[in-house]
Amino acid sequence: MKSESKQNQSDTSFWNSVKWTFGAFVFALGIMNILRGNDPALGVAMLFASALYFPPSYDRIKGVTGISLHYFLRIVLALLIIWINMAVGAISEGYYPEITG
């Protein structure tokens, strides 16, 4: 029973780390699109979307609105954010030549 609790705790800390990392990634993409991109509204939308991946802000949103997003929906949103940024974001538009080469 005790080892099962440790396994559960390590799984939770792993997924918590994944959420924080992806939230920071989306937040950075939002800042990049605001500062040097041609569509600052996309950057602001990414900043708001990053709040869904930071555990404290997600818990706050869930507590205030009472709406909880399923993990599958959050994964689909993550893939959509990456796809949008690679298609029309500041990096794909060539505003960061030091990144794209």
PDB file of N, CA and C in Angstrom:
ATOM      1  N   MET A   1       0.822  -1.190   0.000  1.00  0.00           N
ATOM      2  CA  MET A   1       0.000   0.000   0.000  1.00  0.00           C
ATOM      3  C   MET A   1       0.869   1.258   0.000  1.00  0.00           C
ATOM      4  N   LYS A   2       1.958   1.209   0.762  1.00  0.00           N
ATOM      5  CA  LYS A   2       2.824   2.373   0.856  1.00  0.00           C
ATOM      6  C   LYS A   2       3.554   2.634  -0.455  1.00  0.00           C
ATOM      7  N   SER A   3       4.013   1.571  -1.138  1.00  0.00           N
ATOM      8  CA  SER A   3       4.716   1.754  -2.410  1.00  0.00           C
ATOM      9  C   SER A   3       3.762   2.273  -3.490  1.00  0.00           C
ATOM     10  N   GLU A   4       2.493   1.892  -3.410  1.00  0.00           N
ATOM     11  CA  GLU A   4       1.502   2.388  -4.363  1.00  0.00           C
ATOM     12  C   GLU A   4       1.306   3.894  -4.199  1.00  0.00           C
ATOM     13  N   SER A   5       1.349   4.368  -2.964  1.00  0.00           N
ATOM     14  CA  SER A   5       1.213   5.796  -2.701  1.00  0.00           C
ATOM     15  C   SER A   5       2.408   6.568  -3.245  1.00  0.00           C
ATOM     16  N   LYS A   6       3.632   6.000  -3.083  1.00  0.00           N
ATOM     17  CA  LYS A   6       4.828   6.650  -3.624  1.00  0.00           C
ATOM     18  C   LYS A   6       4.775   6.702  -5.143  1.00  0.00           C
ATOM     19  N   GLN A   7       4.308   5.637  -5.782  1.00  0.00           N
ATOM     20  CA  GLN A   7       4.187   5.607  -7.238  1.00  0.00           C
ATOM     21  C   GLN A   7       3.198   6.660  -7.705  1.00  0.00           C
ATOM     22  N   ASN A   8       2.074   6.767  -7.016  1.00  0.00           N
ATOM     23  CA  ASN A   8       1.067   7.753  -7.357  1.00  0.00           C
ATOM     24  C   ASN A   8       1.620   9.169  -7.216  1.00  0.00           C
ATOM     25  N   GLN A   9       2.402   9.402  -6.172  1.00  0.00           N
ATOM     26  CA  GLN A   9       2.983  10.716  -5.939  1.00  0.00           C
ATOM     27  C   GLN A   9       4.013  11.059  -7.014  1.00  0.00           C
ATOM     28  N   SER A  10       4.823  10.085  -7.431  1.00  0.00           N
ATOM     29  CA  SER A  10       5.814  10.360  -8.468  1.00  0.00           C
ATOM     30  C   SER A  10       5.138  10.607  -9.813  1.00  0.00           C
ATOM     31  N   ASP A  11       4.039   9.891 -10.100  1.00  0.00           N
ATOM     32  CA  ASP A  11       3.279  10.154 -11.326  1.00  0.00           C
ATOM     33  C   ASP A  11       2.708  11.565 -11.309  1.00  0.00           C
ATOM     34  N   THR A  12       2.175  11.958 -10.168  1.00  0.00           N
ATOM     35  CA  THR A  12       1.597  13.293 -10.037  1.00  0.00           C
ATOM     36  C   THR A  12       2.666  14.362 -10.219  1.00  0.00           C
ATOM     37  N   SER A  13       3.835  14.179  -9.619  1.00  0.00           N
ATOM     38  CA  SER A  13       4.878  15.189  -9.761  1.00  0.00           C
ATOM     39  C   SER A  13       5.415  15.227 -11.190  1.00  0.00           C
ATOM     40  N   PHE A  14       5.460  14.077 -11.883  1.00  0.00           N
ATOM     41  CA  PHE A  14       5.890  14.066 -13.274  1.00  0.00           C
ATOM     42  C   PHE A  14       4.924  14.867 -14.134  1.00  0.00           C
ATOM     43  N   TRP A  15       3.623  14.581 -14.030  1.00  0.00           N
ATOM     44  CA  TRP A  15       2.642  15.293 -14.852  1.00  0.00           C
ATOM     45  C   TRP A  15       2.547  16.758 -14.464  1.00  0.00           C
ATOM     46  N   ASN A  16       2.776  17.050 -13.204  1.00  0.00           N
ATOM     47  CA  ASN A  16       2.802  18.438 -12.770  1.00  0.00           C
ATOM     48  C   ASN A  16       3.960  19.170 -13.439  1.00  0.00           C
ATOM     49  N   SER A  17       5.106  18.520 -13.540  1.00  0.00           N
ATOM     50  CA  SER A  17       6.263  19.104 -14.229  1.00  0.00           C
ATOM     51  C   SER A  17       5.985  19.313 -15.714  1.00  0.00           C
ATOM     52  N   VAL A  18       5.295  18.350 -16.332  1.00  0.00           N
ATOM     53  CA  VAL A  18       4.942  18.478 -17.746  1.00  0.00           C
ATOM     54  C   VAL A  18       4.019  19.675 -17.952  1.00  0.00           C
ATOM     55  N   LYS A  19       3.040  19.842 -17.074  1.00  0.00           N
ATOM     56  CA  LYS A  19       2.116  20.974 -17.182  1.00  0.00           C
ATOM     57  C   LYS A  19       2.852  22.303 -17.055  1.00  0.00           C
ATOM     58  N   TRP A  20       3.744  22.410 -16.059  1.00  0.00           N
ATOM     59  CA  TRP A  20       4.497  23.653 -15.870  1.00  0.00           C
ATOM     60  C   TRP A  20       5.393  23.939 -17.071  1.00  0.00           C
ATOM     61  N   THR A  21       6.030  22.903 -17.598  1.00  0.00           N
ATOM     62  CA  THR A  21       6.933  23.090 -18.740  1.00  0.00           C
ATOM     63  C   THR A  21       6.172  23.546 -19.974  1.00  0.00           C
ATOM     64  N   PHE A  22       5.063  22.883 -20.279  1.00  0.00           N
ATOM     65  CA  PHE A  22       4.311  23.283 -21.462  1.00  0.00           C
ATOM     66  C   PHE A  22       3.667  24.652 -21.262  1.00  0.00           C
ATOM     67  N   GLY A  23       3.217  24.951 -20.052  1.00  0.00           N
ATOM     68  CA  GLY A  23       2.674  26.278 -19.781  1.00  0.00           C
ATOM     69  C   GLY A  23       3.714  27.368 -20.012  1.00  0.00           C
ATOM     70  N   ALA A  24       4.951  27.117 -19.570  1.00  0.00           N
ATOM     71  CA  ALA A  24       6.032  28.086 -19.795  1.00  0.00           C
ATOM     72  C   ALA A  24       6.348  28.207 -21.282  1.00  0.00           C
ATOM     73  N   PHE A  25       6.291  27.098 -22.008  1.00  0.00           N
ATOM     74  CA  PHE A  25       6.529  27.104 -23.457  1.00  0.00           C
ATOM     75  C   PHE A  25       5.484  27.949 -24.178  1.00  0.00           C
ATOM     76  N   VAL A  26       4.220  27.747 -23.867  1.00  0.00           N
ATOM     77  CA  VAL A  26       3.147  28.511 -24.509  1.00  0.00           C
ATOM     78  C   VAL A  26       3.226  29.981 -24.099  1.00  0.00           C
ATOM     79  N   PHE A  27       3.572  30.242 -22.847  1.00  0.00           N
ATOM     80  CA  PHE A  27       3.734  31.617 -22.386  1.00  0.00           C
ATOM     81  C   PHE A  27       4.844  32.311 -23.164  1.00  0.00           C
ATOM     82  N   ALA A  28       5.965  31.624 -23.363  1.00  0.00           N
ATOM     83  CA  ALA A  28       7.078  32.198 -24.126  1.00  0.00           C
ATOM     84  C   ALA A  28       6.684  32.444 -25.579  1.00  0.00           C
ATOM     85  N   LEU A  29       5.927  31.522 -26.176  1.00  0.00           N
ATOM     86  CA  LEU A  29       5.443  31.740 -27.540  1.00  0.00           C
ATOM     87  C   LEU A  29       4.547  32.969 -27.609  1.00  0.00           C
ATOM     88  N   GLY A  30       3.725  33.150 -26.606  1.00  0.00           N
ATOM     89  CA  GLY A  30       2.857  34.324 -26.563  1.00  0.00           C
ATOM     90  C   GLY A  30       3.649  35.616 -26.475  1.00  0.00           C
ATOM     91  N   ILE A  31       4.664  35.635 -25.624  1.00  0.00           N
ATOM     92  CA  ILE A  31       5.519  36.824 -25.492  1.00  0.00           C
ATOM     93  C   ILE A  31       6.240  37.095 -26.813  1.00  0.00           C
ATOM     94  N   MET A  32       6.749  36.056 -27.445  1.00  0.00           N
ATOM     95  CA  MET A  32       7.451  36.231 -28.720  1.00  0.00           C
ATOM     96  C   MET A  32       6.526  36.808 -29.787  1.00  0.00           C
ATOM     97  N   ASN A  33       5.288  36.344 -29.831  1.00  0.00           N
ATOM     98  CA  ASN A  33       4.349  36.849 -30.825  1.00  0.00           C
ATOM     99  C   ASN A  33       3.918  38.280 -30.518  1.00  0.00           C
ATOM    100  N   ILE A  34       3.856  38.645 -29.262  1.00  0.00           N
ATOM    101  CA  ILE A  34       3.499  40.020 -28.909  1.00  0.00           C
ATOM    102  C   ILE A  34       4.625  40.978 -29.266  1.00  0.00           C
ATOM    103  N   LEU A  35       5.856  40.606 -28.949  1.00  0.00           N
ATOM    104  CA  LEU A  35       6.971  41.531 -29.114  1.00  0.00           C
ATOM    105  C   LEU A  35       7.423  41.705 -30.560  1.00  0.00           C
ATOM    106  N   ARG A  36       7.521  40.617 -31.314  1.00  0.00           N
ATOM    107  CA  ARG A  36       8.090  40.735 -32.655  1.00  0.00           C
ATOM    108  C   ARG A  36       7.198  40.190 -33.759  1.00  0.00           C
ATOM    109  N   GLY A  37       6.093  39.657 -33.433  1.00  0.00           N
ATOM    110  CA  GLY A  37       5.224  39.087 -34.453  1.00  0.00           C
ATOM    111  C   GLY A  37       4.360  40.138 -35.118  1.00  0.00           C
ATOM    112  N   ASN A  38       3.668  39.737 -36.158  1.00  0.00           N
ATOM    113  CA  ASN A  38       2.784  40.664 -36.841  1.00  0.00           C
ATOM    114  C   ASN A  38       1.351  40.560 -36.347  1.00  0.00           C
ATOM    115  N   ASP A  39       1.099  39.711 -35.356  1.00  0.00           N
ATOM    116  CA  ASP A  39      -0.244  39.531 -34.820  1.00  0.00           C
ATOM    117  C   ASP A  39      -0.184  39.460 -33.293  1.00  0.00           C
ATOM    118  N   PRO A  40      -0.193  40.625 -32.631  1.00  0.00           N
ATOM    119  CA  PRO A  40      -0.118  40.593 -31.167  1.00  0.00           C
ATOM    120  C   PRO A  40      -1.345  39.952 -30.516  1.00  0.00           C
ATOM    121  N   ALA A  41      -2.486  39.944 -31.204  1.00  0.00           N
ATOM    122  CA  ALA A  41      -3.669  39.292 -30.644  1.00  0.00           C
ATOM    123  C   ALA A  41      -3.447  37.794 -30.489  1.00  0.00           C
ATOM    124  N   LEU A  42      -2.712  37.196 -31.410  1.00  0.00           N
ATOM    125  CA  LEU A  42      -2.364  35.776 -31.287  1.00  0.00           C
ATOM    126  C   LEU A  42      -1.499  35.555 -30.052  1.00  0.00           C
ATOM    127  N   GLY A  43      -0.576  36.464 -29.810  1.00  0.00           N
ATOM    128  CA  GLY A  43       0.270  36.371 -28.622  1.00  0.00           C
ATOM    129  C   GLY A  43      -0.534  36.477 -27.333  1.00  0.00           C
ATOM    130  N   VAL A  44      -1.486  37.394 -27.301  1.00  0.00           N
ATOM    131  CA  VAL A  44      -2.336  37.543 -26.114  1.00  0.00           C
ATOM    132  C   VAL A  44      -3.187  36.290 -25.912  1.00  0.00           C
ATOM    133  N   ALA A  45      -3.708  35.720 -27.007  1.00  0.00           N
ATOM    134  CA  ALA A  45      -4.490  34.487 -26.909  1.00  0.00           C
ATOM    135  C   ALA A  45      -3.644  33.345 -26.361  1.00  0.00           C
ATOM    136  N   MET A  46      -2.372  33.296 -26.762  1.00  0.00           N
ATOM    137  CA  MET A  46      -1.483  32.250 -26.241  1.00  0.00           C
ATOM    138  C   MET A  46      -1.179  32.471 -24.768  1.00  0.00           C
ATOM    139  N   LEU A  47      -1.063  33.731 -24.354  1.00  0.00           N
ATOM    140  CA  LEU A  47      -0.852  34.000 -22.925  1.00  0.00           C
ATOM    141  C   LEU A  47      -2.039  33.503 -22.109  1.00  0.00           C
ATOM    142  N   PHE A  48      -3.248  33.764 -22.601  1.00  0.00           N
ATOM    143  CA  PHE A  48      -4.433  33.271 -21.893  1.00  0.00           C
ATOM    144  C   PHE A  48      -4.507  31.745 -21.929  1.00  0.00           C
ATOM    145  N   ALA A  49      -4.143  31.152 -23.054  1.00  0.00           N
ATOM    146  CA  ALA A  49      -4.167  29.685 -23.162  1.00  0.00           C
ATOM    147  C   ALA A  49      -3.141  29.043 -22.235  1.00  0.00           C
ATOM    148  N   SER A  50      -2.024  29.738 -22.001  1.00  0.00           N
ATOM    149  CA  SER A  50      -1.009  29.165 -21.108  1.00  0.00           C
ATOM    150  C   SER A  50      -1.534  29.030 -19.687  1.00  0.00           C
ATOM    151  N   ALA A  51      -2.517  29.839 -19.323  1.00  0.00           N
ATOM    152  CA  ALA A  51      -3.106  29.733 -17.979  1.00  0.00           C
ATOM    153  C   ALA A  51      -3.781  28.387 -17.765  1.00  0.00           C
ATOM    154  N   LEU A  52      -4.190  27.728 -18.840  1.00  0.00           N
ATOM    155  CA  LEU A  52      -4.820  26.415 -18.710  1.00  0.00           C
ATOM    156  C   LEU A  52      -3.818  25.324 -18.374  1.00  0.00           C
ATOM    157  N   TYR A  53      -2.534  25.614 -18.509  1.00  0.00           N
ATOM    158  CA  TYR A  53      -1.510  24.601 -18.273  1.00  0.00           C
ATOM    159  C   TYR A  53      -0.754  24.810 -16.961  1.00  0.00           C
ATOM    160  N   PHE A  54      -0.776  26.006 -16.402  1.00  0.00           N
ATOM    161  CA  PHE A  54      -0.166  26.221 -15.086  1.00  0.00           C
ATOM    162  C   PHE A  54      -1.143  25.727 -14.027  1.00  0.00           C
ATOM    163  N   PRO A  55      -0.753  24.764 -13.198  1.00  0.00           N
ATOM    164  CA  PRO A  55      -1.698  24.178 -12.237  1.00  0.00           C
ATOM    165  C   PRO A  55      -2.392  25.187 -11.301  1.00  0.00           C
ATOM    166  N   PRO A  56      -1.699  26.177 -10.715  1.00  0.00           N
ATOM    167  CA  PRO A  56      -2.426  27.100  -9.831  1.00  0.00           C
ATOM    168  C   PRO A  56      -3.484  27.930 -10.561  1.00  0.00           C
ATOM    169  N   SER A  57      -3.157  28.413 -11.751  1.00  0.00           N
ATOM    170  CA  SER A  57      -4.141  29.225 -12.473  1.00  0.00           C
ATOM    171  C   SER A  57      -5.292  28.356 -12.983  1.00  0.00           C
ATOM    172  N   TYR A  58      -4.992  27.126 -13.391  1.00  0.00           N
ATOM    173  CA  TYR A  58      -6.058  26.226 -13.834  1.00  0.00           C
ATOM    174  C   TYR A  58      -7.007  25.916 -12.675  1.00  0.00           C
ATOM    175  N   ASP A  59      -6.448  25.671 -11.498  1.00  0.00           N
ATOM    176  CA  ASP A  59      -7.298  25.408 -10.330  1.00  0.00           C
ATOM    177  C   ASP A  59      -8.159  26.618  -9.996  1.00  0.00           C
ATOM    178  N   ARG A  60      -7.605  27.797 -10.133  1.00  0.00           N
ATOM    179  CA  ARG A  60      -8.355  29.036  -9.864  1.00  0.00           C
ATOM    180  C   ARG A  60      -9.489  29.213 -10.876  1.00  0.00           C
ATOM    181  N   ILE A  61      -9.188  29.002 -12.156  1.00  0.00           N
ATOM    182  CA  ILE A  61     -10.213  29.117 -13.195  1.00  0.00           C
ATOM    183  C   ILE A  61     -11.323  28.102 -12.960  1.00  0.00           C
ATOM    184  N   LYS A  62     -10.913  26.879 -12.615  1.00  0.00           N
ATOM    185  CA  LYS A  62     -11.886  25.820 -12.356  1.00  0.00           C
ATOM    186  C   LYS A  62     -12.748  26.148 -11.137  1.00  0.00           C
ATOM    187  N   GLY A  63     -12.141  26.748 -10.114  1.00  0.00           N
ATOM    188  CA  GLY A  63     -12.894  27.103  -8.920  1.00  0.00           C
ATOM    189  C   GLY A  63     -13.872  28.244  -9.154  1.00  0.00           C
ATOM    190  N   VAL A  64     -13.479  29.222  -9.949  1.00  0.00           N
ATOM    191  CA  VAL A  64     -14.331  30.382 -10.204  1.00  0.00           C
ATOM    192  C   VAL A  64     -15.463  30.049 -11.165  1.00  0.00           C
ATOM    193  N   THR A  65     -15.146  29.363 -12.262  1.00  0.00           N
ATOM    194  CA  THR A  65     -16.159  29.083 -13.281  1.00  0.00           C
ATOM    195  C   THR A  65     -16.901  27.769 -13.047  1.00  0.00           C
ATOM    196  N   GLY A  66     -16.259  26.837 -12.353  1.00  0.00           N
ATOM    197  CA  GLY A  66     -16.865  25.527 -12.153  1.00  0.00           C
ATOM    198  C   GLY A  66     -16.730  24.619 -13.364  1.00  0.00           C
ATOM    199  N   ILE A  67     -15.943  25.055 -14.341  1.00  0.00           N
ATOM    200  CA  ILE A  67     -15.760  24.280 -15.569  1.00  0.00           C
ATOM    201  C   ILE A  67     -14.393  23.606 -15.521  1.00  0.00           C
ATOM    202  N   SER A  68     -14.378  22.314 -15.765  1.00  0.00           N
ATOM    203  CA  SER A  68     -13.137  21.553 -15.789  1.00  0.00           C
ATOM    204  C   SER A  68     -12.920  21.005 -17.194  1.00  0.00           C
ATOM    205  N   LEU A  69     -11.718  21.184 -17.717  1.00  0.00           N
ATOM    206  CA  LEU A  69     -11.394  20.659 -19.038  1.00  0.00           C
ATOM    207  C   LEU A  69     -10.812  19.260 -18.907  1.00  0.00           C
ATOM    208  N   HIS A  70     -11.304  18.358 -19.715  1.00  0.00           N
ATOM    209  CA  HIS A  70     -10.793  16.996 -19.725  1.00  0.00           C
ATOM    210  C   HIS A  70      -9.355  17.008 -20.249  1.00  0.00           C
ATOM    211  N   TYR A  71      -8.550  16.060 -19.795  1.00  0.00           N
ATOM    212  CA  TYR A  71      -7.150  16.004 -20.221  1.00  0.00           C
ATOM    213  C   TYR A  71      -7.020  15.869 -21.736  1.00  0.00           C
ATOM    214  N   PHE A  72      -7.929  15.100 -22.345  1.00  0.00           N
ATOM    215  CA  PHE A  72      -7.885  14.926 -23.794  1.00  0.00           C
ATOM    216  C   PHE A  72      -8.067  16.267 -24.501  1.00  0.00           C
ATOM    217  N   LEU A  73      -8.990  17.085 -24.013  1.00  0.00           N
ATOM    218  CA  LEU A  73      -9.227  18.399 -24.604  1.00  0.00           C
ATOM    219  C   LEU A  73      -8.012  19.305 -24.438  1.00  0.00           C
ATOM    220  N   ARG A  74      -7.340  19.206 -23.308  1.00  0.00           N
ATOM    221  CA  ARG A  74      -6.135  20.007 -23.090  1.00  0.00           C
ATOM    222  C   ARG A  74      -4.998  19.552 -24.000  1.00  0.00           C
ATOM    223  N   ILE A  75      -4.908  18.270 -24.280  1.00  0.00           N
ATOM    224  CA  ILE A  75      -3.885  17.764 -25.204  1.00  0.00           C
ATOM    225  C   ILE A  75      -4.188  18.230 -26.627  1.00  0.00           C
ATOM    226  N   VAL A  76      -5.452  18.174 -27.029  1.00  0.00           N
ATOM    227  CA  VAL A  76      -5.844  18.650 -28.353  1.00  0.00           C
ATOM    228  C   VAL A  76      -5.555  20.144 -28.477  1.00  0.00           C
ATOM    229  N   LEU A  77      -5.847  20.913 -27.439  1.00  0.00           N
ATOM    230  CA  LEU A  77      -5.545  22.341 -27.449  1.00  0.00           C
ATOM    231  C   LEU A  77      -4.041  22.578 -27.557  1.00  0.00           C
ATOM    232  N   ALA A  78      -3.244  21.776 -26.888  1.00  0.00           N
ATOM    233  CA  ALA A  78      -1.782  21.906 -26.970  1.00  0.00           C
ATOM    234  C   ALA A  78      -1.296  21.651 -28.393  1.00  0.00           C
ATOM    235  N   LEU A  79      -1.810  20.612 -29.030  1.00  0.00           N
ATOM    236  CA  LEU A  79      -1.428  20.329 -30.413  1.00  0.00           C
ATOM    237  C   LEU A  79      -1.876  21.442 -31.350  1.00  0.00           C
ATOM    238  N   LEU A  80      -3.048  21.991 -31.101  1.00  0.00           N
ATOM    239  CA  LEU A  80      -3.550  23.094 -31.913  1.00  0.00           C
ATOM    240  C   LEU A  80      -2.683  24.348 -31.746  1.00  0.00           C
ATOM    241  N   ILE A  81      -2.254  24.628 -30.529  1.00  0.00           N
ATOM    242  CA  ILE A  81      -1.385  25.783 -30.277  1.00  0.00           C
ATOM    243  C   ILE A  81      -0.062  25.625 -31.020  1.00  0.00           C
ATOM    244  N   ILE A  82       0.517  24.445 -30.944  1.00  0.00           N
ATOM    245  CA  ILE A  82       1.788  24.204 -31.647  1.00  0.00           C
ATOM    246  C   ILE A  82       1.590  24.331 -33.153  1.00  0.00           C
ATOM    247  N   TRP A  83       0.508  23.762 -33.672  1.00  0.00           N
ATOM    248  CA  TRP A  83       0.236  23.817 -35.100  1.00  0.00           C
ATOM    249  C   TRP A  83       0.031  25.258 -35.569  1.00  0.00           C
ATOM    250  N   ILE A  84      -0.754  26.023 -34.831  1.00  0.00           N
ATOM    251  CA  ILE A  84      -0.999  27.424 -35.193  1.00  0.00           C
ATOM    252  C   ILE A  84       0.300  28.210 -35.172  1.00  0.00           C
ATOM    253  N   ASN A  85       1.096  27.998 -34.163  1.00  0.00           N
ATOM    254  CA  ASN A  85       2.343  28.761 -34.066  1.00  0.00           C
ATOM    255  C   ASN A  85       3.314  28.390 -35.181  1.00  0.00           C
ATOM    256  N   MET A  86       3.332  27.139 -35.572  1.00  0.00           N
ATOM    257  CA  MET A  86       4.220  26.729 -36.654  1.00  0.00           C
ATOM    258  C   MET A  86       3.697  27.195 -38.016  1.00  0.00           C
ATOM    259  N   ALA A  87       2.393  27.467 -38.122  1.00  0.00           N
ATOM    260  CA  ALA A  87       1.809  27.876 -39.393  1.00  0.00           C
ATOM    261  C   ALA A  87       1.764  29.391 -39.566  1.00  0.00           C
ATOM    262  N   VAL A  88       1.361  30.129 -38.530  1.00  0.00           N
ATOM    263  CA  VAL A  88       1.184  31.575 -38.693  1.00  0.00           C
ATOM    264  C   VAL A  88       1.847  32.404 -37.600  1.00  0.00           C
ATOM    265  N   GLY A  89       2.561  31.793 -36.704  1.00  0.00           N
ATOM    266  CA  GLY A  89       3.192  32.532 -35.614  1.00  0.00           C
ATOM    267  C   GLY A  89       4.405  33.313 -36.064  1.00  0.00           C
ATOM    268  N   ALA A  90       4.991  34.037 -35.132  1.00  0.00           N
ATOM    269  CA  ALA A  90       6.146  34.892 -35.428  1.00  0.00           C
ATOM    270  C   ALA A  90       7.351  34.082 -35.902  1.00  0.00           C
ATOM    271  N   ILE A  91       7.518  32.881 -35.391  1.00  0.00           N
ATOM    272  CA  ILE A  91       8.662  32.064 -35.799  1.00  0.00           C
ATOM    273  C   ILE A  91       8.518  31.646 -37.254  1.00  0.00           C
ATOM    274  N   SER A  92       7.331  31.202 -37.647  1.00  0.00           N
ATOM    275  CA  SER A  92       7.144  30.749 -39.028  1.00  0.00           C
ATOM    276  C   SER A  92       7.146  31.901 -40.021  1.00  0.00           C
ATOM    277  N   GLU A  93       6.801  33.087 -39.569  1.00  0.00           N
ATOM    278  CA  GLU A  93       6.780  34.254 -40.460  1.00  0.00           C
ATOM    279  C   GLU A  93       8.167  34.843 -40.677  1.00  0.00           C
ATOM    280  N   GLY A  94       9.155  34.334 -39.974  1.00  0.00           N
ATOM    281  CA  GLY A  94      10.523  34.790 -40.180  1.00  0.00           C
ATOM    282  C   GLY A  94      10.942  35.961 -39.324  1.00  0.00           C
ATOM    283  N   TYR A  95      10.195  36.242 -38.253  1.00  0.00           N
ATOM    284  CA  TYR A  95      10.563  37.344 -37.369  1.00  0.00           C
ATOM    285  C   TYR A  95      11.704  36.966 -36.431  1.00  0.00           C
ATOM    286  N   TYR A  96      12.047  35.699 -36.382  1.00  0.00           N
ATOM    287  CA  TYR A  96      13.145  35.221 -35.557  1.00  0.00           C
ATOM    288  C   TYR A  96      14.118  34.433 -36.424  1.00  0.00           C
ATOM    289  N   PRO A  97      14.906  35.095 -37.268  1.00  0.00           N
ATOM    290  CA  PRO A  97      15.830  34.346 -38.124  1.00  0.00           C
ATOM    291  C   PRO A  97      16.923  33.630 -37.348  1.00  0.00           C
ATOM    292  N   GLU A  98      17.212  34.109 -36.125  1.00  0.00           N
ATOM    293  CA  GLU A  98      18.220  33.438 -35.324  1.00  0.00           C
ATOM    294  C   GLU A  98      17.752  32.075 -34.823  1.00  0.00           C
ATOM    295  N   ILE A  99      16.445  31.847 -34.802  1.00  0.00           N
ATOM    296  CA  ILE A  99      15.903  30.556 -34.395  1.00  0.00           C
ATOM    297  C   ILE A  99      15.764  29.630 -35.599  1.00  0.00           C
ATOM    298  N   THR A 100      15.257  30.160 -36.705  1.00  0.00           N
ATOM    299  CA  THR A 100      14.959  29.321 -37.851  1.00  0.00           C
ATOM    300  C   THR A 100      16.148  29.116 -38.781  1.00  0.00           C
ATOM    301  N   GLY A 101      17.169  29.918 -38.637  1.00  0.00           N
ATOM    302  CA  GLY A 101      18.384  29.716 -39.431  1.00  0.00           C
ATOM    303  C   GLY A 101      18.452  30.457 -40.701  1.00  0.00           C
TER     304      GLY A 101
END
